[in-house]
Amino acid sequence: MKIPIIKIGNSKGLRIPKMLIDRYAFEEEVEVELTDEGLVVHPVKKVRQGWGDAFAKMHKNEDDVLLMDDIFSDEEWDD
């Protein structure tokens, strides 16, 4: 696919077709990787993306146990 380079003020840019934006889930910003062959554009992953599925899988496998006690031995609770 060829995309023309367009003038944007004193800079130049690429206009990404909507079908590519939808297909690769580009939102407000993208990650650009510089390689010897050129640029690689990736969608920015959301923080904690996929955590819900990972936690559900851990629960199903009974791997969702605490690694340390919930209350420390020197901690006191006042009513």
C-alpha atoms as a PDB file:
ATOM      1  CA  MET A   1       0.000   0.000   0.000  1.00  0.00           C
ATOM      2  CA  LYS A   2       1.350   3.417  -0.903  1.00  0.00           C
ATOM      3  CA  ILE A   3       0.346   6.436   1.171  1.00  0.00           C
ATOM      4  CA  PRO A   4       1.340   9.962   0.129  1.00  0.00           C
ATOM      5  CA  ILE A   5       3.391  12.175   2.449  1.00  0.00           C
ATOM      6  CA  ILE A   6       1.451  15.382   3.150  1.00  0.00           C
ATOM      7  CA  LYS A   7       2.511  18.806   4.386  1.00  0.00           C
ATOM      8  CA  ILE A   8       1.404  19.664   7.937  1.00  0.00           C
ATOM      9  CA  GLY A   9       2.604  23.176   8.780  1.00  0.00           C
ATOM     10  CA  ASN A  10       6.415  23.105   8.653  1.00  0.00           C
ATOM     11  CA  SER A  11       6.393  19.296   9.001  1.00  0.00           C
ATOM     12  CA  LYS A  12       5.240  16.393   6.899  1.00  0.00           C
ATOM     13  CA  GLY A  13       3.063  13.475   7.877  1.00  0.00           C
ATOM     14  CA  LEU A  14       1.165  10.414   6.825  1.00  0.00           C
ATOM     15  CA  ARG A  15      -2.603  10.169   6.646  1.00  0.00           C
ATOM     16  CA  ILE A  16      -3.520   6.680   7.816  1.00  0.00           C
ATOM     17  CA  PRO A  17      -6.677   5.260   6.191  1.00  0.00           C
ATOM     18  CA  LYS A  18      -9.590   4.521   8.545  1.00  0.00           C
ATOM     19  CA  MET A  19      -9.578   0.809   7.703  1.00  0.00           C
ATOM     20  CA  LEU A  20      -5.994   0.544   9.033  1.00  0.00           C
ATOM     21  CA  ILE A  21      -6.829   2.594  12.126  1.00  0.00           C
ATOM     22  CA  ASP A  22      -9.722   0.234  12.871  1.00  0.00           C
ATOM     23  CA  ARG A  23      -7.821  -2.951  12.011  1.00  0.00           C
ATOM     24  CA  TYR A  24      -4.815  -2.178  14.216  1.00  0.00           C
ATOM     25  CA  ALA A  25      -6.772  -0.368  16.965  1.00  0.00           C
ATOM     26  CA  PHE A  26      -4.852   2.912  16.664  1.00  0.00           C
ATOM     27  CA  GLU A  27      -6.288   5.479  19.049  1.00  0.00           C
ATOM     28  CA  GLU A  28      -4.842   8.841  20.158  1.00  0.00           C
ATOM     29  CA  GLU A  29      -1.177   7.911  19.779  1.00  0.00           C
ATOM     30  CA  VAL A  30       0.998   5.188  18.262  1.00  0.00           C
ATOM     31  CA  GLU A  31       4.379   3.669  19.054  1.00  0.00           C
ATOM     32  CA  VAL A  32       6.938   4.165  16.250  1.00  0.00           C
ATOM     33  CA  GLU A  33       9.882   1.777  16.087  1.00  0.00           C
ATOM     34  CA  LEU A  34      12.934   2.748  14.035  1.00  0.00           C
ATOM     35  CA  THR A  35      14.528  -0.159  12.138  1.00  0.00           C
ATOM     36  CA  ASP A  36      17.203  -0.444   9.454  1.00  0.00           C
ATOM     37  CA  GLU A  37      14.418  -1.066   6.916  1.00  0.00           C
ATOM     38  CA  GLY A  38      12.232   1.896   7.964  1.00  0.00           C
ATOM     39  CA  LEU A  39       9.502   2.685  10.478  1.00  0.00           C
ATOM     40  CA  VAL A  40       7.235   0.193  12.201  1.00  0.00           C
ATOM     41  CA  VAL A  41       4.022   1.611  13.693  1.00  0.00           C
ATOM     42  CA  HIS A  42       2.327  -0.186  16.610  1.00  0.00           C
ATOM     43  CA  PRO A  43      -0.793   0.687  18.596  1.00  0.00           C
ATOM     44  CA  VAL A  44      -0.042   1.845  22.136  1.00  0.00           C
ATOM     45  CA  LYS A  45      -1.143  -0.837  24.558  1.00  0.00           C
ATOM     46  CA  LYS A  46      -3.348   0.327  27.368  1.00  0.00           C
ATOM     47  CA  VAL A  47      -2.020   0.006  30.893  1.00  0.00           C
ATOM     48  CA  ARG A  48      -3.221  -3.249  32.448  1.00  0.00           C
ATOM     49  CA  GLN A  49      -4.632  -4.453  29.119  1.00  0.00           C
ATOM     50  CA  GLY A  50      -5.456  -8.146  29.392  1.00  0.00           C
ATOM     51  CA  TRP A  51      -5.181  -8.263  33.186  1.00  0.00           C
ATOM     52  CA  GLY A  52      -8.839  -9.245  33.593  1.00  0.00           C
ATOM     53  CA  ASP A  53      -8.403 -12.290  31.357  1.00  0.00           C
ATOM     54  CA  ALA A  54      -5.141 -13.220  33.090  1.00  0.00           C
ATOM     55  CA  PHE A  55      -6.756 -13.000  36.546  1.00  0.00           C
ATOM     56  CA  ALA A  56      -9.722 -15.091  35.381  1.00  0.00           C
ATOM     57  CA  LYS A  57      -7.330 -17.743  34.061  1.00  0.00           C
ATOM     58  CA  MET A  58      -5.376 -17.700  37.349  1.00  0.00           C
ATOM     59  CA  HIS A  59      -8.627 -18.163  39.293  1.00  0.00           C
ATOM     60  CA  LYS A  60      -9.710 -21.042  37.052  1.00  0.00           C
ATOM     61  CA  ASN A  61      -6.335 -22.737  37.605  1.00  0.00           C
ATOM     62  CA  GLU A  62      -6.564 -22.017  41.360  1.00  0.00           C
ATOM     63  CA  ASP A  63      -3.350 -20.035  41.120  1.00  0.00           C
ATOM     64  CA  ASP A  64      -4.747 -16.860  42.692  1.00  0.00           C
ATOM     65  CA  VAL A  65      -3.348 -17.249  46.200  1.00  0.00           C
ATOM     66  CA  LEU A  66      -1.801 -14.547  48.348  1.00  0.00           C
ATOM     67  CA  LEU A  67       1.986 -14.576  48.383  1.00  0.00           C
ATOM     68  CA  MET A  68       2.111 -12.951  51.813  1.00  0.00           C
ATOM     69  CA  ASP A  69      -0.254 -12.678  54.732  1.00  0.00           C
ATOM     70  CA  ASP A  70      -3.058 -10.181  54.404  1.00  0.00           C
ATOM     71  CA  ILE A  71      -2.299  -8.632  57.820  1.00  0.00           C
ATOM     72  CA  PHE A  72       1.215  -8.170  59.175  1.00  0.00           C
ATOM     73  CA  SER A  73       1.943  -9.574  62.638  1.00  0.00           C
ATOM     74  CA  ASP A  74       2.788  -6.156  64.113  1.00  0.00           C
ATOM     75  CA  GLU A  75      -0.348  -4.504  62.735  1.00  0.00           C
ATOM     76  CA  GLU A  76      -3.235  -3.818  65.102  1.00  0.00           C
ATOM     77  CA  TRP A  77      -6.796  -3.019  64.252  1.00  0.00           C
ATOM     78  CA  ASP A  78      -8.664  -0.482  66.359  1.00  0.00           C
ATOM     79  CA  ASP A  79     -12.441  -0.832  66.405  1.00  0.00           C
END
